[in-house]
Amino acid sequence: MLPPTFLTYRLRGETPSEMLVAEVTTTDLRKTRFQVESKDDIRKTRQGYKIDTAGGETVRFSEKDVESISVVEE
């Protein structure tokens, strides 16, 4: 029997090697990357930005510290 994650990828037409990465550029132009499961894992809050990583961690950035956030597929 195949693991459920494999079946999920196959149903969506994806391969297990494809993943989404949130790239955060801070105002001092440093780039940090976080693996995410979907674009919905990045949210704007009253305090700034909240990113729920694929590893189960939550990362927060204040709005004044973020230059840009983008999501790319790798």
N, C-alpha and C. Protein backbone atom coordinates (compact mmCIF):
# COMPACT_ATOMS: atom_id res chain seq x y z
N MET A 1 0.85 -1.18 0.00
CA MET A 1 0.00 0.00 0.00
C MET A 1 0.89 1.25 0.00
N LEU A 2 0.54 2.23 -0.80
CA LEU A 2 1.32 3.46 -0.90
C LEU A 2 0.97 4.41 0.24
N PRO A 3 1.94 5.20 0.69
CA PRO A 3 1.63 6.19 1.74
C PRO A 3 0.64 7.23 1.22
N PRO A 4 -0.23 7.77 2.10
CA PRO A 4 -1.25 8.75 1.67
C PRO A 4 -0.67 9.98 0.99
N THR A 5 0.52 10.42 1.39
CA THR A 5 1.08 11.61 0.77
C THR A 5 1.38 11.37 -0.69
N PHE A 6 1.82 10.16 -1.04
CA PHE A 6 2.09 9.84 -2.43
C PHE A 6 0.80 9.91 -3.24
N LEU A 7 -0.27 9.35 -2.71
CA LEU A 7 -1.55 9.36 -3.42
C LEU A 7 -2.06 10.78 -3.60
N THR A 8 -1.88 11.62 -2.61
CA THR A 8 -2.32 13.02 -2.71
C THR A 8 -1.58 13.72 -3.84
N TYR A 9 -0.28 13.53 -3.93
CA TYR A 9 0.49 14.15 -5.00
C TYR A 9 0.04 13.65 -6.36
N ARG A 10 -0.18 12.36 -6.48
CA ARG A 10 -0.58 11.78 -7.76
C ARG A 10 -1.95 12.29 -8.19
N LEU A 11 -2.87 12.46 -7.27
CA LEU A 11 -4.20 12.94 -7.62
C LEU A 11 -4.16 14.37 -8.14
N ARG A 12 -3.26 15.18 -7.61
CA ARG A 12 -3.15 16.57 -8.06
C ARG A 12 -2.24 16.71 -9.27
N GLY A 13 -1.69 15.62 -9.77
CA GLY A 13 -0.84 15.68 -10.93
C GLY A 13 0.54 16.25 -10.62
N GLU A 14 0.96 16.17 -9.38
CA GLU A 14 2.25 16.69 -8.99
C GLU A 14 3.19 15.54 -8.69
N THR A 15 4.45 15.83 -8.65
CA THR A 15 5.41 14.85 -8.21
C THR A 15 5.86 15.24 -6.81
N PRO A 16 6.29 14.28 -6.02
CA PRO A 16 6.72 14.60 -4.65
C PRO A 16 7.88 15.59 -4.60
N SER A 17 8.63 15.77 -5.69
CA SER A 17 9.77 16.69 -5.67
C SER A 17 9.34 18.16 -5.79
N GLU A 18 8.12 18.44 -6.27
CA GLU A 18 7.65 19.82 -6.38
C GLU A 18 7.25 20.32 -5.00
N MET A 19 7.65 21.57 -4.69
CA MET A 19 7.24 22.15 -3.41
C MET A 19 7.12 23.65 -3.57
N LEU A 20 6.38 24.25 -2.67
CA LEU A 20 6.24 25.70 -2.65
C LEU A 20 7.18 26.28 -1.61
N VAL A 21 7.81 27.38 -1.97
CA VAL A 21 8.74 28.05 -1.08
C VAL A 21 8.33 29.52 -0.97
N ALA A 22 8.18 29.99 0.26
CA ALA A 22 7.92 31.41 0.51
C ALA A 22 9.27 32.08 0.68
N GLU A 23 9.51 33.11 -0.11
CA GLU A 23 10.77 33.85 -0.02
C GLU A 23 10.46 35.23 0.55
N VAL A 24 11.05 35.53 1.70
CA VAL A 24 10.82 36.81 2.37
C VAL A 24 12.07 37.66 2.20
N THR A 25 11.88 38.87 1.66
CA THR A 25 12.97 39.83 1.56
C THR A 25 12.71 40.91 2.60
N THR A 26 13.64 41.08 3.52
CA THR A 26 13.48 42.08 4.56
C THR A 26 13.98 43.44 4.06
N THR A 27 13.68 44.47 4.82
CA THR A 27 14.05 45.83 4.40
C THR A 27 15.56 46.02 4.32
N ASP A 28 16.34 45.18 5.01
CA ASP A 28 17.80 45.25 4.87
C ASP A 28 18.29 44.33 3.74
N LEU A 29 17.34 43.88 2.89
CA LEU A 29 17.58 43.10 1.66
C LEU A 29 18.12 41.69 1.89
N ARG A 30 17.92 41.16 3.08
CA ARG A 30 18.24 39.76 3.33
C ARG A 30 17.07 38.90 2.86
N LYS A 31 17.36 37.76 2.28
CA LYS A 31 16.32 36.84 1.83
C LYS A 31 16.32 35.59 2.69
N THR A 32 15.13 35.19 3.10
CA THR A 32 14.95 33.98 3.88
C THR A 32 13.88 33.16 3.18
N ARG A 33 14.09 31.85 3.13
CA ARG A 33 13.15 30.97 2.43
C ARG A 33 12.56 29.96 3.40
N PHE A 34 11.25 29.69 3.22
CA PHE A 34 10.54 28.73 4.06
C PHE A 34 9.69 27.85 3.16
N GLN A 35 9.75 26.54 3.37
CA GLN A 35 8.89 25.64 2.61
C GLN A 35 7.49 25.74 3.18
N VAL A 36 6.49 25.90 2.31
CA VAL A 36 5.08 25.97 2.71
C VAL A 36 4.28 24.96 1.90
N GLU A 37 3.10 24.66 2.39
CA GLU A 37 2.25 23.70 1.67
C GLU A 37 1.33 24.38 0.67
N SER A 38 0.95 25.64 0.94
CA SER A 38 0.11 26.38 0.01
C SER A 38 0.30 27.88 0.23
N LYS A 39 -0.21 28.67 -0.71
CA LYS A 39 -0.12 30.12 -0.58
C LYS A 39 -0.94 30.62 0.61
N ASP A 40 -1.92 29.84 1.03
CA ASP A 40 -2.75 30.21 2.17
C ASP A 40 -1.99 30.14 3.50
N ASP A 41 -0.79 29.57 3.47
CA ASP A 41 0.01 29.49 4.69
C ASP A 41 0.68 30.82 5.04
N ILE A 42 0.52 31.81 4.19
CA ILE A 42 1.07 33.15 4.44
C ILE A 42 -0.11 34.08 4.65
N ARG A 43 -0.13 34.74 5.81
CA ARG A 43 -1.26 35.62 6.12
C ARG A 43 -0.76 36.96 6.63
N LYS A 44 -1.50 38.00 6.27
CA LYS A 44 -1.26 39.34 6.79
C LYS A 44 -2.09 39.47 8.06
N THR A 45 -1.45 39.87 9.15
CA THR A 45 -2.15 40.04 10.42
C THR A 45 -2.01 41.49 10.86
N ARG A 46 -2.62 41.82 11.96
CA ARG A 46 -2.50 43.18 12.50
C ARG A 46 -1.06 43.51 12.88
N GLN A 47 -0.32 42.50 13.30
CA GLN A 47 1.06 42.71 13.73
C GLN A 47 2.07 42.62 12.59
N GLY A 48 1.67 42.10 11.44
CA GLY A 48 2.60 41.96 10.31
C GLY A 48 2.23 40.76 9.46
N TYR A 49 3.18 39.83 9.30
CA TYR A 49 2.96 38.65 8.48
C TYR A 49 3.21 37.40 9.29
N LYS A 50 2.42 36.37 9.00
CA LYS A 50 2.53 35.09 9.68
C LYS A 50 2.68 34.01 8.61
N ILE A 51 3.71 33.18 8.75
CA ILE A 51 3.95 32.09 7.80
C ILE A 51 3.94 30.78 8.57
N ASP A 52 3.05 29.87 8.14
CA ASP A 52 3.01 28.52 8.69
C ASP A 52 3.83 27.63 7.76
N THR A 53 4.98 27.15 8.23
CA THR A 53 5.86 26.36 7.38
C THR A 53 5.37 24.93 7.25
N ALA A 54 5.86 24.25 6.23
CA ALA A 54 5.50 22.85 6.01
C ALA A 54 5.99 21.97 7.16
N GLY A 55 7.00 22.42 7.88
CA GLY A 55 7.53 21.66 9.01
C GLY A 55 6.75 21.86 10.30
N GLY A 56 5.69 22.67 10.26
CA GLY A 56 4.85 22.87 11.43
C GLY A 56 5.23 24.07 12.29
N GLU A 57 6.25 24.81 11.89
CA GLU A 57 6.64 26.01 12.65
C GLU A 57 5.84 27.22 12.17
N THR A 58 5.71 28.21 13.04
CA THR A 58 5.09 29.48 12.67
C THR A 58 6.15 30.57 12.78
N VAL A 59 6.31 31.34 11.70
CA VAL A 59 7.30 32.41 11.66
C VAL A 59 6.54 33.72 11.49
N ARG A 60 6.93 34.74 12.24
CA ARG A 60 6.26 36.04 12.16
C ARG A 60 7.27 37.13 11.81
N PHE A 61 6.80 38.09 11.00
CA PHE A 61 7.59 39.26 10.64
C PHE A 61 6.74 40.50 10.85
N SER A 62 7.33 41.56 11.36
CA SER A 62 6.58 42.80 11.47
C SER A 62 6.47 43.41 10.07
N GLU A 63 5.42 44.16 9.85
CA GLU A 63 5.18 44.75 8.53
C GLU A 63 6.30 45.70 8.12
N LYS A 64 6.84 46.43 9.09
CA LYS A 64 7.89 47.41 8.75
C LYS A 64 9.21 46.74 8.37
N ASP A 65 9.40 45.47 8.73
CA ASP A 65 10.64 44.76 8.41
C ASP A 65 10.61 44.02 7.07
N VAL A 66 9.44 43.95 6.42
CA VAL A 66 9.30 43.16 5.20
C VAL A 66 9.25 44.07 3.97
N GLU A 67 10.16 43.82 3.06
CA GLU A 67 10.17 44.50 1.76
C GLU A 67 9.21 43.80 0.79
N SER A 68 9.31 42.45 0.75
CA SER A 68 8.42 41.69 -0.12
C SER A 68 8.35 40.24 0.34
N ILE A 69 7.25 39.57 -0.06
CA ILE A 69 7.08 38.14 0.16
C ILE A 69 6.56 37.56 -1.16
N SER A 70 7.22 36.51 -1.62
CA SER A 70 6.75 35.85 -2.83
C SER A 70 6.75 34.34 -2.61
N VAL A 71 5.93 33.64 -3.38
CA VAL A 71 5.87 32.19 -3.30
C VAL A 71 6.27 31.64 -4.66
N VAL A 72 7.24 30.74 -4.66
CA VAL A 72 7.71 30.12 -5.89
C VAL A 72 7.60 28.62 -5.79
N GLU A 73 7.47 27.97 -6.92
CA GLU A 73 7.38 26.52 -6.96
C GLU A 73 8.74 25.98 -7.35
N GLU A 74 9.22 25.01 -6.61
CA GLU A 74 10.53 24.40 -6.91
C GLU A 74 10.39 22.93 -7.11
